[in-house]
């Protein structure tokens, strides 16, 4: 179900909690299928989260994302996606913090802007600016999202 590299990455970052979570993934997937009325497919290539395509009983294609429960990033991601409300980002369809799970609108992969190359830099920049404009909105009061400084400090914790 999951690769050795994925399991090692989760264990390295989350320790014993990550190892327990890895053994719980099959049970979590079954629970999520029942509670969100979805059928979950095989996972995408995994890094630190379990992410797999799914289909809702209504036929809506979606994605299930699982992370080690208790991770603050899940709350931040859910808050941000909820705030974007589908403008320039996938829609958040459901969130279950206890299970560390998100149900997301499925997005079809396209081109990465980095693949445009230097001869198409202007086009890539215009696309980036367009998405950024759609994403921008005033933060609601009590949003719980980190400041840029707080977000940067999270990265510092992972630098050796």
Foldseek 3Di string as FASTA:
>chain_A
DADPQQLVQQCVVPNPLSNVLVVCVVVLQVVCCVVQVKAWDQFDHDHQWTKTWIAHPVRFIKMKIAHRAPDVVLLQVQLLLCVLCCQLDWHFPDDDRVRRMTITHDDDDDDDLVVVDPVCVVVSVVVVVNSVVSSDDDQDPPSPHDDPVVVVVVVVVVDD
